[in-house]
C-alpha cells in the first residue's frame, strides 16, 4: 500500500476516512470465486482452449506465409487477425493457468494496467482489422480493375500503421485515467484478467474520467466501425447482385459472408459481455467471468475454423498439409 499526498473528498458511503490515505498497489486476481473448491479443474478446459487457439491460428498463419498463392492482401489481413488472437489469449491464459494450478494470482497495479492496456489495445486492433477487411473486399469487388493498383503492399503497411496508432491513441487515456484512481475498497479483483470494470469496482471516489474514456472507445469502435463495415458490405452485396452471375457471384458472396460472420462473432461477443457485466444484481460473478471469457477467447477459437472451412484456398492448403502429414506417418 502506498500513501497518497492528496485527499479525495468524493468518497462513497461505507468507506472510512482512514482509507482516504492509501491505495492498493498489489492485487489478487480471483476468477470464478463461487467455485473455489473446484477452481483447479478449470485448468483443463482453459488449457484445451489455449491449445486450440495456438495450434489453429499458428497453422493458418504458417500456411499463409509459406504458400505464395496466399500472399494477396486479403490473406495477409487474415494472418494479422490470427496474430491478434494469439497475442490476446497469451496475455491472459498463461497467468490464469498458473493461478488455477499453483495459486500464483498476485499482480501489481502496474502489471494489471499493462495487461488491461494490451487486452483493449488488441480488441481495438481486431475491430480495425475487420474494417480493413471490408475495405479490401470493397475494392476487390466494386473496383476490380483497379484492385492491384489500389491495394498495394505499401498501402497495406501504411493503413496497418495508422490503425495501430488509432488503437494506441484510443486505449492510452483509459489506462492513464485508471492509473490515477485510488483503490482502497479491496485488493481482490473478481475476475481472471484485469478487466476495466472489475478494477474500477474497487475504486474509492470518482471514476468519471476512465468511464468516459471507455464510453468513447465503445462509441468509436462499436458504432462507427460497425456502421462503416455494414455500409461497405451493403455496397458489395448490391454490386455482386447487380453485376456478377453464377460461380463468381457465389464465390464473392461466400467470401464476404465469411468476413461478416467473423465480424458478427467479434462484435456480438463484446456486446453480450458488456450487457451481462452491467447486470449487477441478477447474475453471479462466475457467470460474468464466463461471459468475459467468451468475449476474450471465443473469436480466437472460432476464427480458424470459420476461415478454414469457408475460404476455399485456405481449405485446400489445409487438406494438402494433412495429406502430407498422413503420408509421412504411414509411409
C-alpha atoms as a PDB file:
ATOM      1  CA  UNK A   1       0.000   0.000   0.000  1.00  0.00           C
ATOM      2  CA  UNK A   2       1.188   3.476  -0.892  1.00  0.00           C
ATOM      3  CA  UNK A   3       0.360   6.637   0.986  1.00  0.00           C
ATOM      4  CA  UNK A   4      -1.155   9.351  -1.172  1.00  0.00           C
ATOM      5  CA  UNK A   5      -0.444  13.040  -0.885  1.00  0.00           C
ATOM      6  CA  UNK A   6      -3.932  14.309  -1.606  1.00  0.00           C
ATOM      7  CA  UNK A   7      -7.277  13.507  -0.096  1.00  0.00           C
ATOM      8  CA  UNK A   8     -10.279  12.646  -2.238  1.00  0.00           C
ATOM      9  CA  UNK A   9     -13.385  14.177  -0.696  1.00  0.00           C
ATOM     10  CA  UNK A  10     -15.805  12.442  -3.045  1.00  0.00           C
ATOM     11  CA  UNK A  11     -15.853   9.179  -1.168  1.00  0.00           C
ATOM     12  CA  UNK A  12     -18.620   6.635  -1.469  1.00  0.00           C
ATOM     13  CA  UNK A  13     -20.733   5.662   1.556  1.00  0.00           C
ATOM     14  CA  UNK A  14     -19.209   2.960   3.690  1.00  0.00           C
ATOM     15  CA  UNK A  15     -15.577   3.933   3.002  1.00  0.00           C
ATOM     16  CA  UNK A  16     -13.793   5.080   6.151  1.00  0.00           C
ATOM     17  CA  UNK A  17     -11.790   8.276   6.417  1.00  0.00           C
ATOM     18  CA  UNK A  18      -8.668   6.204   7.075  1.00  0.00           C
ATOM     19  CA  UNK A  19      -8.962   4.692   3.588  1.00  0.00           C
ATOM     20  CA  UNK A  20      -8.511   8.175   2.132  1.00  0.00           C
ATOM     21  CA  UNK A  21      -4.797   7.957   2.797  1.00  0.00           C
ATOM     22  CA  UNK A  22      -3.830   4.821   0.892  1.00  0.00           C
ATOM     23  CA  UNK A  23      -4.324   2.977  -2.329  1.00  0.00           C
ATOM     24  CA  UNK A  24      -3.610  -0.690  -3.023  1.00  0.00           C
ATOM     25  CA  UNK A  25      -0.747  -1.387  -5.412  1.00  0.00           C
ATOM     26  CA  UNK A  26      -0.876  -5.193  -5.172  1.00  0.00           C
ATOM     27  CA  UNK A  27      -3.943  -7.159  -6.220  1.00  0.00           C
ATOM     28  CA  UNK A  28      -5.224 -10.723  -6.259  1.00  0.00           C
ATOM     29  CA  UNK A  29      -6.918 -11.970  -9.418  1.00  0.00           C
ATOM     30  CA  UNK A  30      -9.716 -14.298  -8.313  1.00  0.00           C
ATOM     31  CA  UNK A  31     -11.610 -15.597 -11.307  1.00  0.00           C
ATOM     32  CA  UNK A  32     -14.684 -17.770 -10.723  1.00  0.00           C
ATOM     33  CA  UNK A  33     -14.705 -17.254  -6.909  1.00  0.00           C
ATOM     34  CA  UNK A  34     -18.021 -19.078  -6.451  1.00  0.00           C
ATOM     35  CA  UNK A  35     -16.465 -22.462  -7.196  1.00  0.00           C
ATOM     36  CA  UNK A  36     -13.299 -22.066  -5.121  1.00  0.00           C
ATOM     37  CA  UNK A  37     -13.035 -25.795  -4.302  1.00  0.00           C
ATOM     38  CA  UNK A  38     -13.249 -26.800  -7.958  1.00  0.00           C
ATOM     39  CA  UNK A  39     -11.194 -23.988  -9.498  1.00  0.00           C
ATOM     40  CA  UNK A  40      -8.123 -26.193 -10.265  1.00  0.00           C
ATOM     41  CA  UNK A  41     -10.330 -28.297 -12.561  1.00  0.00           C
ATOM     42  CA  UNK A  42     -10.902 -25.211 -14.707  1.00  0.00           C
ATOM     43  CA  UNK A  43      -7.299 -25.593 -15.873  1.00  0.00           C
ATOM     44  CA  UNK A  44      -8.416 -28.486 -18.105  1.00  0.00           C
ATOM     45  CA  UNK A  45     -10.919 -26.592 -20.303  1.00  0.00           C
ATOM     46  CA  UNK A  46      -8.888 -23.366 -20.347  1.00  0.00           C
ATOM     47  CA  UNK A  47      -5.652 -25.179 -21.243  1.00  0.00           C
ATOM     48  CA  UNK A  48      -7.541 -27.024 -24.002  1.00  0.00           C
ATOM     49  CA  UNK A  49      -8.890 -23.723 -25.318  1.00  0.00           C
ATOM     50  CA  UNK A  50      -5.364 -22.252 -25.290  1.00  0.00           C
ATOM     51  CA  UNK A  51      -4.004 -25.220 -27.246  1.00  0.00           C
ATOM     52  CA  UNK A  52      -6.770 -24.891 -29.847  1.00  0.00           C
ATOM     53  CA  UNK A  53      -6.085 -21.159 -30.202  1.00  0.00           C
ATOM     54  CA  UNK A  54      -2.316 -21.603 -30.545  1.00  0.00           C
ATOM     55  CA  UNK A  55      -2.443 -24.564 -32.921  1.00  0.00           C
ATOM     56  CA  UNK A  56      -5.321 -23.372 -35.128  1.00  0.00           C
ATOM     57  CA  UNK A  57      -4.208 -19.776 -35.549  1.00  0.00           C
ATOM     58  CA  UNK A  58      -0.495 -20.621 -35.877  1.00  0.00           C
ATOM     59  CA  UNK A  59      -1.170 -23.294 -38.503  1.00  0.00           C
ATOM     60  CA  UNK A  60      -3.060 -20.943 -40.804  1.00  0.00           C
ATOM     61  CA  UNK A  61      -0.517 -18.138 -40.292  1.00  0.00           C
ATOM     62  CA  UNK A  62       2.248 -20.552 -41.321  1.00  0.00           C
ATOM     63  CA  UNK A  63       0.285 -21.691 -44.387  1.00  0.00           C
ATOM     64  CA  UNK A  64      -0.276 -18.091 -45.476  1.00  0.00           C
ATOM     65  CA  UNK A  65       3.425 -17.306 -45.029  1.00  0.00           C
ATOM     66  CA  UNK A  66       4.629 -20.427 -46.863  1.00  0.00           C
ATOM     67  CA  UNK A  67       2.210 -20.562 -49.822  1.00  0.00           C
ATOM     68  CA  UNK A  68       2.862 -17.796 -52.355  1.00  0.00           C
ATOM     69  CA  UNK A  69      -0.685 -18.153 -53.684  1.00  0.00           C
ATOM     70  CA  UNK A  70      -1.894 -16.853 -50.314  1.00  0.00           C
ATOM     71  CA  UNK A  71       0.193 -13.674 -50.361  1.00  0.00           C
ATOM     72  CA  UNK A  72      -2.647 -11.429 -51.528  1.00  0.00           C
ATOM     73  CA  UNK A  73      -3.807  -8.561 -49.245  1.00  0.00           C
ATOM     74  CA  UNK A  74      -6.891 -10.448 -48.047  1.00  0.00           C
ATOM     75  CA  UNK A  75      -4.896 -13.383 -46.674  1.00  0.00           C
ATOM     76  CA  UNK A  76      -2.252 -11.115 -45.164  1.00  0.00           C
ATOM     77  CA  UNK A  77      -5.025  -9.276 -43.293  1.00  0.00           C
ATOM     78  CA  UNK A  78      -6.403 -12.626 -42.113  1.00  0.00           C
ATOM     79  CA  UNK A  79      -2.950 -13.558 -40.782  1.00  0.00           C
ATOM     80  CA  UNK A  80      -2.837 -10.268 -38.824  1.00  0.00           C
ATOM     81  CA  UNK A  81      -6.211 -11.164 -37.274  1.00  0.00           C
ATOM     82  CA  UNK A  82      -4.900 -14.574 -36.225  1.00  0.00           C
ATOM     83  CA  UNK A  83      -1.764 -12.982 -34.734  1.00  0.00           C
ATOM     84  CA  UNK A  84      -4.050 -10.747 -32.641  1.00  0.00           C
ATOM     85  CA  UNK A  85      -5.962 -13.839 -31.482  1.00  0.00           C
ATOM     86  CA  UNK A  86      -2.741 -15.482 -30.287  1.00  0.00           C
ATOM     87  CA  UNK A  87      -1.496 -12.344 -28.541  1.00  0.00           C
ATOM     88  CA  UNK A  88      -4.744 -11.714 -26.628  1.00  0.00           C
ATOM     89  CA  UNK A  89      -5.003 -15.287 -25.368  1.00  0.00           C
ATOM     90  CA  UNK A  90      -1.290 -15.334 -24.415  1.00  0.00           C
ATOM     91  CA  UNK A  91      -1.717 -12.121 -22.418  1.00  0.00           C
ATOM     92  CA  UNK A  92      -4.457 -13.774 -20.334  1.00  0.00           C
ATOM     93  CA  UNK A  93      -4.374 -17.571 -20.205  1.00  0.00           C
ATOM     94  CA  UNK A  94      -0.819 -18.443 -19.006  1.00  0.00           C
ATOM     95  CA  UNK A  95      -1.279 -16.186 -15.978  1.00  0.00           C
ATOM     96  CA  UNK A  96      -4.723 -17.641 -15.271  1.00  0.00           C
ATOM     97  CA  UNK A  97      -3.480 -21.228 -15.615  1.00  0.00           C
ATOM     98  CA  UNK A  98      -0.677 -20.531 -13.122  1.00  0.00           C
ATOM     99  CA  UNK A  99      -3.317 -19.161 -10.766  1.00  0.00           C
ATOM    100  CA  UNK A 100      -5.502 -22.255 -11.105  1.00  0.00           C
ATOM    101  CA  UNK A 101      -2.669 -24.762 -10.695  1.00  0.00           C
ATOM    102  CA  UNK A 102      -0.215 -23.042  -8.332  1.00  0.00           C
ATOM    103  CA  UNK A 103      -2.222 -20.136  -6.830  1.00  0.00           C
ATOM    104  CA  UNK A 104       0.121 -17.578  -8.440  1.00  0.00           C
ATOM    105  CA  UNK A 105      -2.607 -14.975  -8.732  1.00  0.00           C
ATOM    106  CA  UNK A 106      -0.855 -11.890  -7.372  1.00  0.00           C
ATOM    107  CA  UNK A 107      -0.391  -8.934  -9.709  1.00  0.00           C
ATOM    108  CA  UNK A 108       0.942  -5.424  -9.195  1.00  0.00           C
ATOM    109  CA  UNK A 109      -1.052  -2.368 -10.221  1.00  0.00           C
ATOM    110  CA  UNK A 110       1.496  -1.728 -12.977  1.00  0.00           C
ATOM    111  CA  UNK A 111       1.220  -5.298 -14.244  1.00  0.00           C
ATOM    112  CA  UNK A 112      -2.571  -5.118 -14.096  1.00  0.00           C
ATOM    113  CA  UNK A 113      -2.633  -1.857 -16.077  1.00  0.00           C
ATOM    114  CA  UNK A 114      -0.235  -3.308 -18.650  1.00  0.00           C
ATOM    115  CA  UNK A 115      -2.459  -6.346 -19.118  1.00  0.00           C
ATOM    116  CA  UNK A 116      -5.532  -4.130 -19.374  1.00  0.00           C
ATOM    117  CA  UNK A 117      -3.799  -1.936 -21.973  1.00  0.00           C
ATOM    118  CA  UNK A 118      -2.792  -4.967 -24.026  1.00  0.00           C
ATOM    119  CA  UNK A 119      -6.280  -6.514 -23.908  1.00  0.00           C
ATOM    120  CA  UNK A 120      -8.061  -3.354 -25.030  1.00  0.00           C
ATOM    121  CA  UNK A 121      -5.340  -2.388 -27.500  1.00  0.00           C
ATOM    122  CA  UNK A 122      -5.711  -5.762 -29.211  1.00  0.00           C
ATOM    123  CA  UNK A 123      -9.516  -5.525 -29.057  1.00  0.00           C
ATOM    124  CA  UNK A 124      -9.440  -2.195 -30.920  1.00  0.00           C
ATOM    125  CA  UNK A 125      -6.860  -3.622 -33.350  1.00  0.00           C
ATOM    126  CA  UNK A 126      -9.234  -6.517 -34.007  1.00  0.00           C
ATOM    127  CA  UNK A 127     -12.009  -4.079 -34.914  1.00  0.00           C
ATOM    128  CA  UNK A 128      -9.561  -2.192 -37.132  1.00  0.00           C
ATOM    129  CA  UNK A 129      -8.739  -5.436 -38.961  1.00  0.00           C
ATOM    130  CA  UNK A 130     -12.464  -6.051 -39.529  1.00  0.00           C
ATOM    131  CA  UNK A 131     -12.656  -2.570 -41.053  1.00  0.00           C
ATOM    132  CA  UNK A 132      -9.577  -3.197 -43.190  1.00  0.00           C
ATOM    133  CA  UNK A 133     -11.064  -6.466 -44.460  1.00  0.00           C
ATOM    134  CA  UNK A 134     -14.254  -4.713 -45.524  1.00  0.00           C
ATOM    135  CA  UNK A 135     -12.202  -2.085 -47.379  1.00  0.00           C
ATOM    136  CA  UNK A 136     -10.177  -4.775 -49.156  1.00  0.00           C
ATOM    137  CA  UNK A 137     -13.308  -6.648 -50.276  1.00  0.00           C
ATOM    138  CA  UNK A 138     -14.995  -3.393 -51.355  1.00  0.00           C
ATOM    139  CA  UNK A 139     -12.087  -2.520 -53.648  1.00  0.00           C
ATOM    140  CA  UNK A 140     -11.787  -6.115 -54.918  1.00  0.00           C
ATOM    141  CA  UNK A 141     -15.469  -6.408 -55.869  1.00  0.00           C
ATOM    142  CA  UNK A 142     -16.602  -2.851 -56.558  1.00  0.00           C
ATOM    143  CA  UNK A 143     -13.343  -1.691 -58.210  1.00  0.00           C
ATOM    144  CA  UNK A 144     -11.891  -4.969 -59.565  1.00  0.00           C
ATOM    145  CA  UNK A 145      -9.888  -3.468 -62.446  1.00  0.00           C
ATOM    146  CA  UNK A 146      -8.024  -1.150 -60.080  1.00  0.00           C
ATOM    147  CA  UNK A 147      -7.657  -3.577 -57.177  1.00  0.00           C
ATOM    148  CA  UNK A 148      -3.942  -4.350 -57.652  1.00  0.00           C
ATOM    149  CA  UNK A 149      -3.139  -0.687 -58.209  1.00  0.00           C
ATOM    150  CA  UNK A 150      -5.010   0.420 -55.083  1.00  0.00           C
ATOM    151  CA  UNK A 151      -4.392  -2.388 -52.568  1.00  0.00           C
ATOM    152  CA  UNK A 152      -0.606  -2.426 -52.778  1.00  0.00           C
ATOM    153  CA  UNK A 153       1.635  -3.748 -50.016  1.00  0.00           C
ATOM    154  CA  UNK A 154       2.780  -0.192 -49.361  1.00  0.00           C
ATOM    155  CA  UNK A 155      -0.805   0.970 -48.786  1.00  0.00           C
ATOM    156  CA  UNK A 156      -1.490  -2.071 -46.626  1.00  0.00           C
ATOM    157  CA  UNK A 157       1.527  -1.347 -44.420  1.00  0.00           C
ATOM    158  CA  UNK A 158       0.558   2.344 -44.169  1.00  0.00           C
ATOM    159  CA  UNK A 159      -3.036   1.542 -43.210  1.00  0.00           C
ATOM    160  CA  UNK A 160      -1.884  -1.029 -40.651  1.00  0.00           C
ATOM    161  CA  UNK A 161       0.461   1.517 -39.087  1.00  0.00           C
ATOM    162  CA  UNK A 162      -2.317   4.128 -38.958  1.00  0.00           C
ATOM    163  CA  UNK A 163      -4.693   1.667 -37.320  1.00  0.00           C
ATOM    164  CA  UNK A 164      -2.069   0.766 -34.711  1.00  0.00           C
ATOM    165  CA  UNK A 165      -1.716   4.461 -33.886  1.00  0.00           C
ATOM    166  CA  UNK A 166      -5.514   4.746 -33.664  1.00  0.00           C
ATOM    167  CA  UNK A 167      -5.660   1.834 -31.216  1.00  0.00           C
ATOM    168  CA  UNK A 168      -2.880   3.340 -29.092  1.00  0.00           C
ATOM    169  CA  UNK A 169      -4.493   6.797 -29.005  1.00  0.00           C
ATOM    170  CA  UNK A 170      -7.895   5.373 -28.022  1.00  0.00           C
ATOM    171  CA  UNK A 171      -6.697   2.998 -25.297  1.00  0.00           C
ATOM    172  CA  UNK A 172      -3.980   5.108 -23.650  1.00  0.00           C
ATOM    173  CA  UNK A 173      -6.347   7.628 -21.969  1.00  0.00           C
ATOM    174  CA  UNK A 174      -8.384   4.774 -20.467  1.00  0.00           C
ATOM    175  CA  UNK A 175      -5.299   3.219 -18.872  1.00  0.00           C
ATOM    176  CA  UNK A 176      -3.813   6.550 -17.768  1.00  0.00           C
ATOM    177  CA  UNK A 177      -7.058   7.693 -16.129  1.00  0.00           C
ATOM    178  CA  UNK A 178      -7.468   4.312 -14.425  1.00  0.00           C
ATOM    179  CA  UNK A 179      -3.923   4.556 -13.043  1.00  0.00           C
ATOM    180  CA  UNK A 180      -4.897   7.823 -11.323  1.00  0.00           C
ATOM    181  CA  UNK A 181      -7.745   6.192  -9.396  1.00  0.00           C
ATOM    182  CA  UNK A 182      -7.396   5.400  -5.702  1.00  0.00           C
ATOM    183  CA  UNK A 183      -8.114   1.734  -4.899  1.00  0.00           C
ATOM    184  CA  UNK A 184      -8.989   1.260  -1.240  1.00  0.00           C
ATOM    185  CA  UNK A 185     -12.183  -0.856  -1.161  1.00  0.00           C
ATOM    186  CA  UNK A 186     -10.356  -4.139  -1.647  1.00  0.00           C
ATOM    187  CA  UNK A 187      -7.351  -5.612  -3.425  1.00  0.00           C
ATOM    188  CA  UNK A 188      -9.236  -8.664  -4.758  1.00  0.00           C
ATOM    189  CA  UNK A 189     -10.241  -8.421  -8.429  1.00  0.00           C
ATOM    190  CA  UNK A 190     -13.132 -10.804  -9.001  1.00  0.00           C
ATOM    191  CA  UNK A 191     -12.041 -11.717 -12.496  1.00  0.00           C
ATOM    192  CA  UNK A 192      -9.374 -13.873 -14.142  1.00  0.00           C
ATOM    193  CA  UNK A 193      -7.992 -10.882 -16.068  1.00  0.00           C
ATOM    194  CA  UNK A 194      -7.506  -7.173 -15.365  1.00  0.00           C
ATOM    195  CA  UNK A 195     -10.755  -6.117 -16.961  1.00  0.00           C
ATOM    196  CA  UNK A 196     -11.529  -2.411 -16.656  1.00  0.00           C
ATOM    197  CA  UNK A 197     -14.940  -2.648 -14.953  1.00  0.00           C
ATOM    198  CA  UNK A 198     -13.692  -5.212 -12.414  1.00  0.00           C
ATOM    199  CA  UNK A 199     -10.766  -2.975 -11.466  1.00  0.00           C
ATOM    200  CA  UNK A 200     -12.886   0.193 -11.249  1.00  0.00           C
ATOM    201  CA  UNK A 201     -15.309  -1.574  -8.896  1.00  0.00           C
ATOM    202  CA  UNK A 202     -12.524  -1.405  -6.269  1.00  0.00           C
ATOM    203  CA  UNK A 203     -12.088   2.354  -6.640  1.00  0.00           C
ATOM    204  CA  UNK A 204     -12.754   4.956  -3.978  1.00  0.00           C
ATOM    205  CA  UNK A 205     -14.248   8.207  -5.164  1.00  0.00           C
ATOM    206  CA  UNK A 206     -14.986   9.328  -8.696  1.00  0.00           C
ATOM    207  CA  UNK A 207     -14.328   7.126 -11.736  1.00  0.00           C
ATOM    208  CA  UNK A 208     -15.837   9.529 -14.257  1.00  0.00           C
ATOM    209  CA  UNK A 209     -12.790  10.025 -16.454  1.00  0.00           C
ATOM    210  CA  UNK A 210     -11.985   6.337 -17.130  1.00  0.00           C
ATOM    211  CA  UNK A 211     -15.692   5.643 -17.653  1.00  0.00           C
ATOM    212  CA  UNK A 212     -15.907   8.447 -20.237  1.00  0.00           C
ATOM    213  CA  UNK A 213     -12.747   7.147 -21.929  1.00  0.00           C
ATOM    214  CA  UNK A 214     -14.271   3.658 -22.064  1.00  0.00           C
ATOM    215  CA  UNK A 215     -17.515   5.061 -23.452  1.00  0.00           C
ATOM    216  CA  UNK A 216     -15.632   6.896 -26.208  1.00  0.00           C
ATOM    217  CA  UNK A 217     -13.873   3.662 -27.170  1.00  0.00           C
ATOM    218  CA  UNK A 218     -17.186   1.803 -27.330  1.00  0.00           C
ATOM    219  CA  UNK A 219     -18.803   4.539 -29.449  1.00  0.00           C
ATOM    220  CA  UNK A 220     -15.920   4.801 -31.901  1.00  0.00           C
ATOM    221  CA  UNK A 221     -15.456   1.034 -32.204  1.00  0.00           C
ATOM    222  CA  UNK A 222     -18.930  -0.429 -31.788  1.00  0.00           C
ATOM    223  CA  UNK A 223     -20.833   2.356 -33.579  1.00  0.00           C
ATOM    224  CA  UNK A 224     -18.529   3.933 -36.157  1.00  0.00           C
ATOM    225  CA  UNK A 225     -16.580   0.798 -37.137  1.00  0.00           C
ATOM    226  CA  UNK A 226     -19.694  -1.372 -37.339  1.00  0.00           C
ATOM    227  CA  UNK A 227     -21.517   1.285 -39.381  1.00  0.00           C
ATOM    228  CA  UNK A 228     -18.631   1.579 -41.854  1.00  0.00           C
ATOM    229  CA  UNK A 229     -18.394  -2.209 -42.136  1.00  0.00           C
ATOM    230  CA  UNK A 230     -22.139  -2.535 -42.808  1.00  0.00           C
ATOM    231  CA  UNK A 231     -22.028   0.248 -45.403  1.00  0.00           C
ATOM    232  CA  UNK A 232     -19.092  -1.448 -47.139  1.00  0.00           C
ATOM    233  CA  UNK A 233     -20.690  -4.901 -47.280  1.00  0.00           C
ATOM    234  CA  UNK A 234     -24.063  -3.468 -48.309  1.00  0.00           C
ATOM    235  CA  UNK A 235     -22.343  -1.827 -51.287  1.00  0.00           C
ATOM    236  CA  UNK A 236     -20.535  -5.090 -52.034  1.00  0.00           C
ATOM    237  CA  UNK A 237     -23.730  -7.179 -51.963  1.00  0.00           C
ATOM    238  CA  UNK A 238     -25.523  -4.636 -54.157  1.00  0.00           C
ATOM    239  CA  UNK A 239     -22.684  -4.706 -56.706  1.00  0.00           C
ATOM    240  CA  UNK A 240     -22.473  -8.510 -56.679  1.00  0.00           C
ATOM    241  CA  UNK A 241     -26.209  -8.999 -57.166  1.00  0.00           C
ATOM    242  CA  UNK A 242     -26.216  -6.422 -59.954  1.00  0.00           C
ATOM    243  CA  UNK A 243     -23.137  -7.438 -61.965  1.00  0.00           C
ATOM    244  CA  UNK A 244     -21.951 -10.937 -61.055  1.00  0.00           C
ATOM    245  CA  UNK A 245     -23.507 -14.230 -62.122  1.00  0.00           C
ATOM    246  CA  UNK A 246     -23.062 -17.935 -61.472  1.00  0.00           C
ATOM    247  CA  UNK A 247     -19.868 -19.079 -59.764  1.00  0.00           C
ATOM    248  CA  UNK A 248     -18.384 -15.589 -59.493  1.00  0.00           C
ATOM    249  CA  UNK A 249     -21.445 -14.382 -57.587  1.00  0.00           C
ATOM    250  CA  UNK A 250     -21.379 -17.417 -55.291  1.00  0.00           C
ATOM    251  CA  UNK A 251     -17.639 -17.002 -54.609  1.00  0.00           C
ATOM    252  CA  UNK A 252     -17.970 -13.286 -53.834  1.00  0.00           C
ATOM    253  CA  UNK A 253     -20.955 -13.791 -51.534  1.00  0.00           C
ATOM    254  CA  UNK A 254     -19.258 -16.717 -49.778  1.00  0.00           C
ATOM    255  CA  UNK A 255     -16.078 -14.724 -49.121  1.00  0.00           C
ATOM    256  CA  UNK A 256     -17.944 -11.657 -47.896  1.00  0.00           C
ATOM    257  CA  UNK A 257     -20.274 -13.851 -45.842  1.00  0.00           C
ATOM    258  CA  UNK A 258     -17.241 -15.362 -44.121  1.00  0.00           C
ATOM    259  CA  UNK A 259     -15.830 -11.947 -43.209  1.00  0.00           C
ATOM    260  CA  UNK A 260     -19.257 -10.799 -41.995  1.00  0.00           C
ATOM    261  CA  UNK A 261     -19.636 -13.940 -39.872  1.00  0.00           C
ATOM    262  CA  UNK A 262     -16.267 -13.306 -38.209  1.00  0.00           C
ATOM    263  CA  UNK A 263     -17.188  -9.653 -37.587  1.00  0.00           C
ATOM    264  CA  UNK A 264     -20.539 -10.686 -36.112  1.00  0.00           C
ATOM    265  CA  UNK A 265     -18.839 -13.118 -33.721  1.00  0.00           C
ATOM    266  CA  UNK A 266     -16.379 -10.444 -32.550  1.00  0.00           C
ATOM    267  CA  UNK A 267     -18.922  -7.667 -32.014  1.00  0.00           C
ATOM    268  CA  UNK A 268     -21.686  -9.917 -30.655  1.00  0.00           C
ATOM    269  CA  UNK A 269     -19.373 -11.406 -28.002  1.00  0.00           C
ATOM    270  CA  UNK A 270     -18.288  -7.904 -26.971  1.00  0.00           C
ATOM    271  CA  UNK A 271     -21.871  -6.612 -26.802  1.00  0.00           C
ATOM    272  CA  UNK A 272     -23.187  -9.559 -24.780  1.00  0.00           C
ATOM    273  CA  UNK A 273     -20.272  -9.372 -22.333  1.00  0.00           C
ATOM    274  CA  UNK A 274     -20.799  -5.626 -21.844  1.00  0.00           C
ATOM    275  CA  UNK A 275     -24.524  -6.100 -21.157  1.00  0.00           C
ATOM    276  CA  UNK A 276     -24.003  -9.030 -18.796  1.00  0.00           C
ATOM    277  CA  UNK A 277     -21.349  -7.220 -16.755  1.00  0.00           C
ATOM    278  CA  UNK A 278     -23.779  -4.389 -16.038  1.00  0.00           C
ATOM    279  CA  UNK A 279     -26.477  -6.720 -14.683  1.00  0.00           C
ATOM    280  CA  UNK A 280     -25.131  -6.329 -11.146  1.00  0.00           C
ATOM    281  CA  UNK A 281     -27.999  -7.790  -9.122  1.00  0.00           C
ATOM    282  CA  UNK A 282     -29.288 -10.624 -11.283  1.00  0.00           C
ATOM    283  CA  UNK A 283     -26.158 -12.533 -12.288  1.00  0.00           C
ATOM    284  CA  UNK A 284     -23.356 -14.028 -10.212  1.00  0.00           C
ATOM    285  CA  UNK A 285     -19.681 -13.120 -10.544  1.00  0.00           C
ATOM    286  CA  UNK A 286     -18.955 -16.557 -12.038  1.00  0.00           C
ATOM    287  CA  UNK A 287     -21.477 -16.003 -14.835  1.00  0.00           C
ATOM    288  CA  UNK A 288     -19.933 -12.604 -15.572  1.00  0.00           C
ATOM    289  CA  UNK A 289     -16.485 -14.213 -15.651  1.00  0.00           C
ATOM    290  CA  UNK A 290     -17.779 -16.811 -18.085  1.00  0.00           C
ATOM    291  CA  UNK A 291     -19.085 -14.159 -20.475  1.00  0.00           C
ATOM    292  CA  UNK A 292     -15.812 -12.253 -20.176  1.00  0.00           C
ATOM    293  CA  UNK A 293     -14.013 -15.452 -21.203  1.00  0.00           C
ATOM    294  CA  UNK A 294     -16.397 -15.868 -24.148  1.00  0.00           C
ATOM    295  CA  UNK A 295     -15.775 -12.270 -25.235  1.00  0.00           C
ATOM    296  CA  UNK A 296     -11.979 -12.521 -24.978  1.00  0.00           C
ATOM    297  CA  UNK A 297     -11.409 -16.096 -26.205  1.00  0.00           C
ATOM    298  CA  UNK A 298     -14.332 -17.314 -28.312  1.00  0.00           C
ATOM    299  CA  UNK A 299     -13.420 -15.351 -31.503  1.00  0.00           C
ATOM    300  CA  UNK A 300      -9.849 -16.682 -31.293  1.00  0.00           C
ATOM    301  CA  UNK A 301     -11.210 -20.255 -31.069  1.00  0.00           C
ATOM    302  CA  UNK A 302     -13.773 -19.936 -33.866  1.00  0.00           C
ATOM    303  CA  UNK A 303     -11.882 -17.839 -36.437  1.00  0.00           C
ATOM    304  CA  UNK A 304      -9.529 -20.615 -37.688  1.00  0.00           C
ATOM    305  CA  UNK A 305     -12.491 -22.979 -38.119  1.00  0.00           C
ATOM    306  CA  UNK A 306     -14.580 -20.347 -39.920  1.00  0.00           C
ATOM    307  CA  UNK A 307     -11.829 -19.429 -42.364  1.00  0.00           C
ATOM    308  CA  UNK A 308     -10.537 -22.985 -42.642  1.00  0.00           C
ATOM    309  CA  UNK A 309     -13.954 -24.351 -43.619  1.00  0.00           C
ATOM    310  CA  UNK A 310     -15.386 -21.457 -45.653  1.00  0.00           C
ATOM    311  CA  UNK A 311     -12.429 -19.988 -47.595  1.00  0.00           C
ATOM    312  CA  UNK A 312     -11.629 -22.412 -50.409  1.00  0.00           C
ATOM    313  CA  UNK A 313      -7.935 -21.515 -50.823  1.00  0.00           C
ATOM    314  CA  UNK A 314      -7.201 -21.948 -47.129  1.00  0.00           C
ATOM    315  CA  UNK A 315      -9.257 -25.152 -47.045  1.00  0.00           C
ATOM    316  CA  UNK A 316      -7.308 -26.595 -49.993  1.00  0.00           C
ATOM    317  CA  UNK A 317      -3.969 -25.783 -48.375  1.00  0.00           C
ATOM    318  CA  UNK A 318      -5.092 -27.343 -45.109  1.00  0.00           C
ATOM    319  CA  UNK A 319      -6.156 -30.534 -46.921  1.00  0.00           C
ATOM    320  CA  UNK A 320      -2.781 -30.670 -48.693  1.00  0.00           C
ATOM    321  CA  UNK A 321      -0.998 -30.186 -45.388  1.00  0.00           C
ATOM    322  CA  UNK A 322      -2.879 -33.010 -43.660  1.00  0.00           C
ATOM    323  CA  UNK A 323      -2.397 -35.362 -46.621  1.00  0.00           C
ATOM    324  CA  UNK A 324       1.349 -34.815 -46.473  1.00  0.00           C
ATOM    325  CA  UNK A 325       1.312 -35.427 -42.720  1.00  0.00           C
ATOM    326  CA  UNK A 326      -0.686 -38.642 -43.140  1.00  0.00           C
ATOM    327  CA  UNK A 327       1.559 -39.870 -45.944  1.00  0.00           C
ATOM    328  CA  UNK A 328       4.668 -39.312 -43.811  1.00  0.00           C
ATOM    329  CA  UNK A 329       3.003 -41.009 -40.843  1.00  0.00           C
ATOM    330  CA  UNK A 330       2.018 -44.188 -42.733  1.00  0.00           C
ATOM    331  CA  UNK A 331       4.927 -44.398 -45.164  1.00  0.00           C
END
